[in-house]
Amino acid sequence: MTVLDAAALDQLFRTARTYNRFSGEIDDATLHQLYDLLKWGPTSANQSPARFVFVRSDAAKQKLAPALAEGNREKTLSAPVAVIVGHDLDFHEKLPYLFPHTDAKSWFEGSQDGRRDHAFRNGSLQVAYLILAARALGLDTGPMTGFDADQVDAAFFAGTSIRTNVIVNLGKGDPASIFDRSPRLAFDEACRIV
């Protein structure tokens, strides 16, 4: 593998920002392309528990609106697309297809409680892949957790084993909507080499 050039690293990490206002449009082809990139990110035993609802229509946004925290409502309703990322607590049902090397489904049989941490942890990884894939495609992102997950579940995942994790707004970010760059921890504050 080759190292990405500085411009690519900037786009993915160093100059990429979390936006609070968005414009533009995102077509179906771009949403398909986005998923087709993020799906390749690794998860434990290829669990791939994340499930994505691309909220674009006015009707779907109005369905989502009551669940959003006041500070997140306007930016989400005005974003071209808001992605609800949930995780399927019954992800193991797909393992015979996703991880055919062994009987991985049997590792997770039983109560959903025994799968909850796996679904959440690996679904959260897939949220990160979504953000990086969006940035790679030239989209800006605004991930957030300021919402009532039970309300989102009732509105979009009723009767399923999917639970909401994160909502990510997508579009062309308005530079006037961001704060000054917040600091990050230095290597010695966050890391150890043993």
C-alpha atoms as a PDB file:
ATOM      1  CA  MET A   1       0.000   0.000   0.000  1.00  0.00           C
ATOM      2  CA  THR A   2       1.117   3.543  -0.656  1.00  0.00           C
ATOM      3  CA  VAL A   3       0.819   6.455   1.737  1.00  0.00           C
ATOM      4  CA  LEU A   4      -1.881   8.952   0.760  1.00  0.00           C
ATOM      5  CA  ASP A   5      -0.624  12.363  -0.243  1.00  0.00           C
ATOM      6  CA  ALA A   6      -0.951  15.391   2.042  1.00  0.00           C
ATOM      7  CA  ALA A   7      -4.061  16.696   0.262  1.00  0.00           C
ATOM      8  CA  ALA A   8      -5.901  13.395   0.802  1.00  0.00           C
ATOM      9  CA  LEU A   9      -4.865  13.261   4.463  1.00  0.00           C
ATOM     10  CA  ASP A  10      -6.062  16.842   4.916  1.00  0.00           C
ATOM     11  CA  GLN A  11      -9.418  16.037   3.310  1.00  0.00           C
ATOM     12  CA  LEU A  12      -9.954  12.989   5.488  1.00  0.00           C
ATOM     13  CA  PHE A  13      -8.501  14.248   8.780  1.00  0.00           C
ATOM     14  CA  ARG A  14      -6.414  17.374   9.265  1.00  0.00           C
ATOM     15  CA  THR A  15      -8.617  20.056   7.697  1.00  0.00           C
ATOM     16  CA  ALA A  16     -11.920  18.162   7.735  1.00  0.00           C
ATOM     17  CA  ARG A  17     -14.415  19.713  10.128  1.00  0.00           C
ATOM     18  CA  THR A  18     -17.804  19.065  11.702  1.00  0.00           C
ATOM     19  CA  TYR A  19     -20.318  21.474  10.177  1.00  0.00           C
ATOM     20  CA  ASN A  20     -23.503  22.931  11.630  1.00  0.00           C
ATOM     21  CA  ARG A  21     -25.088  24.175   8.381  1.00  0.00           C
ATOM     22  CA  PHE A  22     -25.227  22.523   4.995  1.00  0.00           C
ATOM     23  CA  SER A  23     -26.344  23.208   1.448  1.00  0.00           C
ATOM     24  CA  GLY A  24     -26.404  21.351  -1.840  1.00  0.00           C
ATOM     25  CA  GLU A  25     -28.119  18.196  -3.011  1.00  0.00           C
ATOM     26  CA  ILE A  26     -27.107  14.560  -2.784  1.00  0.00           C
ATOM     27  CA  ASP A  27     -28.485  12.165  -5.369  1.00  0.00           C
ATOM     28  CA  ASP A  28     -29.231   8.463  -4.990  1.00  0.00           C
ATOM     29  CA  ALA A  29     -26.103   7.490  -6.940  1.00  0.00           C
ATOM     30  CA  THR A  30     -23.916   9.316  -4.418  1.00  0.00           C
ATOM     31  CA  LEU A  31     -25.659   7.604  -1.487  1.00  0.00           C
ATOM     32  CA  HIS A  32     -25.076   4.228  -3.144  1.00  0.00           C
ATOM     33  CA  GLN A  33     -21.432   5.158  -3.748  1.00  0.00           C
ATOM     34  CA  LEU A  34     -21.116   6.213  -0.103  1.00  0.00           C
ATOM     35  CA  TYR A  35     -22.393   2.869   1.167  1.00  0.00           C
ATOM     36  CA  ASP A  36     -20.315   0.965  -1.372  1.00  0.00           C
ATOM     37  CA  LEU A  37     -17.193   2.544   0.162  1.00  0.00           C
ATOM     38  CA  LEU A  38     -18.024   2.339   3.858  1.00  0.00           C
ATOM     39  CA  LYS A  39     -19.136  -1.291   3.731  1.00  0.00           C
ATOM     40  CA  TRP A  40     -15.520  -2.399   3.220  1.00  0.00           C
ATOM     41  CA  GLY A  41     -14.357  -1.144   6.627  1.00  0.00           C
ATOM     42  CA  PRO A  42     -13.535  -4.046   8.960  1.00  0.00           C
ATOM     43  CA  THR A  43     -15.740  -5.207  11.822  1.00  0.00           C
ATOM     44  CA  SER A  44     -15.286  -8.168  14.188  1.00  0.00           C
ATOM     45  CA  ALA A  45     -16.055 -11.398  12.326  1.00  0.00           C
ATOM     46  CA  ASN A  46     -17.404  -9.151   9.549  1.00  0.00           C
ATOM     47  CA  GLN A  47     -20.501  -8.568  11.707  1.00  0.00           C
ATOM     48  CA  SER A  48     -21.472  -5.412   9.806  1.00  0.00           C
ATOM     49  CA  PRO A  49     -24.292  -4.583  12.238  1.00  0.00           C
ATOM     50  CA  ALA A  50     -24.855  -0.978  11.098  1.00  0.00           C
ATOM     51  CA  ARG A  51     -28.077  -0.162   9.269  1.00  0.00           C
ATOM     52  CA  PHE A  52     -28.507   3.175   7.504  1.00  0.00           C
ATOM     53  CA  VAL A  53     -31.591   5.292   6.870  1.00  0.00           C
ATOM     54  CA  PHE A  54     -30.902   8.182   4.492  1.00  0.00           C
ATOM     55  CA  VAL A  55     -33.420  10.840   5.530  1.00  0.00           C
ATOM     56  CA  ARG A  56     -33.858  13.199   2.579  1.00  0.00           C
ATOM     57  CA  SER A  57     -37.563  13.853   1.981  1.00  0.00           C
ATOM     58  CA  ASP A  58     -39.420  16.598   3.832  1.00  0.00           C
ATOM     59  CA  ALA A  59     -41.875  14.009   5.165  1.00  0.00           C
ATOM     60  CA  ALA A  60     -39.075  11.871   6.629  1.00  0.00           C
ATOM     61  CA  LYS A  61     -37.377  14.940   8.133  1.00  0.00           C
ATOM     62  CA  GLN A  62     -40.630  15.960   9.822  1.00  0.00           C
ATOM     63  CA  LYS A  63     -40.894  12.437  11.215  1.00  0.00           C
ATOM     64  CA  LEU A  64     -37.378  12.789  12.639  1.00  0.00           C
ATOM     65  CA  ALA A  65     -37.766  16.360  13.932  1.00  0.00           C
ATOM     66  CA  PRO A  66     -39.536  15.660  17.269  1.00  0.00           C
ATOM     67  CA  ALA A  67     -36.697  13.358  18.359  1.00  0.00           C
ATOM     68  CA  LEU A  68     -33.954  15.939  17.777  1.00  0.00           C
ATOM     69  CA  ALA A  69     -32.509  18.096  20.549  1.00  0.00           C
ATOM     70  CA  GLU A  70     -33.373  21.769  20.054  1.00  0.00           C
ATOM     71  CA  GLY A  71     -29.799  22.651  19.069  1.00  0.00           C
ATOM     72  CA  ASN A  72     -29.749  19.962  16.375  1.00  0.00           C
ATOM     73  CA  ARG A  73     -33.197  20.412  14.850  1.00  0.00           C
ATOM     74  CA  GLU A  74     -32.599  23.291  12.411  1.00  0.00           C
ATOM     75  CA  LYS A  75     -29.274  22.005  11.059  1.00  0.00           C
ATOM     76  CA  THR A  76     -30.664  18.515  10.536  1.00  0.00           C
ATOM     77  CA  LEU A  77     -33.860  19.642   8.850  1.00  0.00           C
ATOM     78  CA  SER A  78     -31.945  21.906   6.474  1.00  0.00           C
ATOM     79  CA  ALA A  79     -29.187  19.392   5.613  1.00  0.00           C
ATOM     80  CA  PRO A  80     -29.561  17.711   2.213  1.00  0.00           C
ATOM     81  CA  VAL A  81     -29.441  14.293   3.930  1.00  0.00           C
ATOM     82  CA  ALA A  82     -29.392  13.124   7.535  1.00  0.00           C
ATOM     83  CA  VAL A  83     -28.207   9.541   7.974  1.00  0.00           C
ATOM     84  CA  ILE A  84     -29.647   7.619  10.903  1.00  0.00           C
ATOM     85  CA  VAL A  85     -27.103   4.940  11.739  1.00  0.00           C
ATOM     86  CA  GLY A  86     -28.508   2.119  13.805  1.00  0.00           C
ATOM     87  CA  HIS A  87     -27.096  -1.240  14.766  1.00  0.00           C
ATOM     88  CA  ASP A  88     -28.952  -4.521  14.389  1.00  0.00           C
ATOM     89  CA  LEU A  89     -29.017  -6.489  17.621  1.00  0.00           C
ATOM     90  CA  ASP A  90     -29.756  -9.579  15.521  1.00  0.00           C
ATOM     91  CA  PHE A  91     -26.746  -9.051  13.239  1.00  0.00           C
ATOM     92  CA  HIS A  92     -25.789 -12.688  13.794  1.00  0.00           C
ATOM     93  CA  GLU A  93     -28.560 -13.834  11.455  1.00  0.00           C
ATOM     94  CA  LYS A  94     -26.450 -12.516   8.535  1.00  0.00           C
ATOM     95  CA  LEU A  95     -23.209 -14.202   9.652  1.00  0.00           C
ATOM     96  CA  PRO A  96     -23.644 -17.395   7.585  1.00  0.00           C
ATOM     97  CA  TYR A  97     -23.360 -15.107   4.545  1.00  0.00           C
ATOM     98  CA  LEU A  98     -20.955 -12.487   5.925  1.00  0.00           C
ATOM     99  CA  PHE A  99     -18.563 -14.866   7.726  1.00  0.00           C
ATOM    100  CA  PRO A 100     -18.930 -18.254   6.001  1.00  0.00           C
ATOM    101  CA  HIS A 101     -15.557 -19.616   7.223  1.00  0.00           C
ATOM    102  CA  THR A 102     -17.078 -21.082  10.362  1.00  0.00           C
ATOM    103  CA  ASP A 103     -20.354 -21.220  12.281  1.00  0.00           C
ATOM    104  CA  ALA A 104     -20.016 -17.687  13.692  1.00  0.00           C
ATOM    105  CA  LYS A 105     -23.785 -17.369  14.092  1.00  0.00           C
ATOM    106  CA  SER A 106     -23.659 -19.872  16.950  1.00  0.00           C
ATOM    107  CA  TRP A 107     -21.252 -17.601  18.860  1.00  0.00           C
ATOM    108  CA  PHE A 108     -24.018 -15.029  19.276  1.00  0.00           C
ATOM    109  CA  GLU A 109     -27.161 -17.125  19.706  1.00  0.00           C
ATOM    110  CA  GLY A 110     -29.341 -16.484  22.712  1.00  0.00           C
ATOM    111  CA  SER A 111     -30.456 -13.237  24.294  1.00  0.00           C
ATOM    112  CA  GLN A 112     -29.949  -9.924  22.521  1.00  0.00           C
ATOM    113  CA  ASP A 113     -28.175  -8.762  25.681  1.00  0.00           C
ATOM    114  CA  GLY A 114     -25.260 -10.993  24.708  1.00  0.00           C
ATOM    115  CA  ARG A 115     -25.014  -9.229  21.331  1.00  0.00           C
ATOM    116  CA  ARG A 116     -25.645  -5.653  22.441  1.00  0.00           C
ATOM    117  CA  ASP A 117     -22.002  -4.648  23.048  1.00  0.00           C
ATOM    118  CA  HIS A 118     -20.828  -6.294  19.819  1.00  0.00           C
ATOM    119  CA  ALA A 119     -23.534  -4.553  17.779  1.00  0.00           C
ATOM    120  CA  PHE A 120     -22.856  -1.161  19.361  1.00  0.00           C
ATOM    121  CA  ARG A 121     -19.068  -1.377  19.139  1.00  0.00           C
ATOM    122  CA  ASN A 122     -18.932  -2.578  15.540  1.00  0.00           C
ATOM    123  CA  GLY A 123     -21.790  -0.306  14.463  1.00  0.00           C
ATOM    124  CA  SER A 124     -19.842   2.634  15.918  1.00  0.00           C
ATOM    125  CA  LEU A 125     -16.854   1.624  13.795  1.00  0.00           C
ATOM    126  CA  GLN A 126     -19.150   1.777  10.788  1.00  0.00           C
ATOM    127  CA  VAL A 127     -20.213   5.313  11.747  1.00  0.00           C
ATOM    128  CA  ALA A 128     -16.551   6.317  11.490  1.00  0.00           C
ATOM    129  CA  TYR A 129     -16.291   4.606   8.102  1.00  0.00           C
ATOM    130  CA  LEU A 130     -19.361   6.540   6.955  1.00  0.00           C
ATOM    131  CA  ILE A 131     -17.738   9.845   7.928  1.00  0.00           C
ATOM    132  CA  LEU A 132     -14.460   8.992   6.189  1.00  0.00           C
ATOM    133  CA  ALA A 133     -16.221   7.688   3.064  1.00  0.00           C
ATOM    134  CA  ALA A 134     -18.333  10.864   2.899  1.00  0.00           C
ATOM    135  CA  ARG A 135     -15.215  13.023   3.176  1.00  0.00           C
ATOM    136  CA  ALA A 136     -13.483  10.919   0.513  1.00  0.00           C
ATOM    137  CA  LEU A 137     -16.425  11.653  -1.818  1.00  0.00           C
ATOM    138  CA  GLY A 138     -16.175  15.402  -1.151  1.00  0.00           C
ATOM    139  CA  LEU A 139     -19.115  15.595   1.269  1.00  0.00           C
ATOM    140  CA  ASP A 140     -18.979  17.385   4.611  1.00  0.00           C
ATOM    141  CA  THR A 141     -20.398  15.787   7.742  1.00  0.00           C
ATOM    142  CA  GLY A 142     -22.012  16.713  11.019  1.00  0.00           C
ATOM    143  CA  PRO A 143     -22.227  13.677  13.336  1.00  0.00           C
ATOM    144  CA  MET A 144     -24.318  14.041  16.480  1.00  0.00           C
ATOM    145  CA  THR A 145     -25.867  12.184  19.368  1.00  0.00           C
ATOM    146  CA  GLY A 146     -28.199  14.940  20.577  1.00  0.00           C
ATOM    147  CA  PHE A 147     -31.520  13.215  20.051  1.00  0.00           C
ATOM    148  CA  ASP A 148     -33.954  10.870  21.764  1.00  0.00           C
ATOM    149  CA  ALA A 149     -32.905   7.449  20.470  1.00  0.00           C
ATOM    150  CA  ASP A 150     -36.130   5.786  21.648  1.00  0.00           C
ATOM    151  CA  GLN A 151     -38.160   8.267  19.581  1.00  0.00           C
ATOM    152  CA  VAL A 152     -35.983   7.684  16.525  1.00  0.00           C
ATOM    153  CA  ASP A 153     -36.321   3.928  16.983  1.00  0.00           C
ATOM    154  CA  ALA A 154     -40.111   4.223  17.235  1.00  0.00           C
ATOM    155  CA  ALA A 155     -40.296   6.402  14.117  1.00  0.00           C
ATOM    156  CA  PHE A 156     -37.860   4.520  11.880  1.00  0.00           C
ATOM    157  CA  PHE A 157     -37.132   1.063  13.345  1.00  0.00           C
ATOM    158  CA  ALA A 158     -40.408   0.023  15.011  1.00  0.00           C
ATOM    159  CA  GLY A 159     -40.860  -3.734  15.153  1.00  0.00           C
ATOM    160  CA  THR A 160     -37.211  -4.451  14.296  1.00  0.00           C
ATOM    161  CA  SER A 161     -34.089  -5.392  16.224  1.00  0.00           C
ATOM    162  CA  ILE A 162     -32.334  -2.187  15.097  1.00  0.00           C
ATOM    163  CA  ARG A 163     -31.412   0.511  17.629  1.00  0.00           C
ATOM    164  CA  THR A 164     -30.282   4.039  16.795  1.00  0.00           C
ATOM    165  CA  ASN A 165     -26.677   5.013  17.500  1.00  0.00           C
ATOM    166  CA  VAL A 166     -25.697   8.244  15.696  1.00  0.00           C
ATOM    167  CA  ILE A 167     -27.155  10.697  13.178  1.00  0.00           C
ATOM    168  CA  VAL A 168     -24.795  12.186  10.596  1.00  0.00           C
ATOM    169  CA  ASN A 169     -25.801  15.209   8.531  1.00  0.00           C
ATOM    170  CA  LEU A 170     -24.363  15.314   5.010  1.00  0.00           C
ATOM    171  CA  GLY A 171     -23.939  18.059   2.424  1.00  0.00           C
ATOM    172  CA  LYS A 172     -21.721  20.963   1.507  1.00  0.00           C
ATOM    173  CA  GLY A 173     -20.682  22.476   4.832  1.00  0.00           C
ATOM    174  CA  ASP A 174     -20.987  26.199   5.451  1.00  0.00           C
ATOM    175  CA  PRO A 175     -17.589  27.417   6.764  1.00  0.00           C
ATOM    176  CA  ALA A 176     -19.362  30.164   8.736  1.00  0.00           C
ATOM    177  CA  SER A 177     -21.066  27.469  10.827  1.00  0.00           C
ATOM    178  CA  ILE A 178     -17.942  26.023  12.418  1.00  0.00           C
ATOM    179  CA  PHE A 179     -16.124  27.009  15.580  1.00  0.00           C
ATOM    180  CA  ASP A 180     -12.384  27.591  15.826  1.00  0.00           C
ATOM    181  CA  ARG A 181     -10.545  24.291  15.702  1.00  0.00           C
ATOM    182  CA  SER A 182     -10.534  22.631  19.112  1.00  0.00           C
ATOM    183  CA  PRO A 183      -7.239  21.203  20.373  1.00  0.00           C
ATOM    184  CA  ARG A 184      -6.401  17.509  20.432  1.00  0.00           C
ATOM    185  CA  LEU A 185      -4.365  15.605  22.991  1.00  0.00           C
ATOM    186  CA  ALA A 186      -0.650  15.254  22.290  1.00  0.00           C
ATOM    187  CA  PHE A 187       0.767  11.781  21.681  1.00  0.00           C
ATOM    188  CA  ASP A 188       2.206  11.556  25.206  1.00  0.00           C
ATOM    189  CA  GLU A 189      -1.149  12.453  26.745  1.00  0.00           C
ATOM    190  CA  ALA A 190      -3.135   9.852  24.823  1.00  0.00           C
ATOM    191  CA  CYS A 191      -0.679   7.093  23.944  1.00  0.00           C
ATOM    192  CA  ARG A 192       1.857   4.684  25.372  1.00  0.00           C
ATOM    193  CA  ILE A 193       4.288   2.455  23.507  1.00  0.00           C
ATOM    194  CA  VAL A 194       4.986  -0.672  25.545  1.00  0.00           C
END
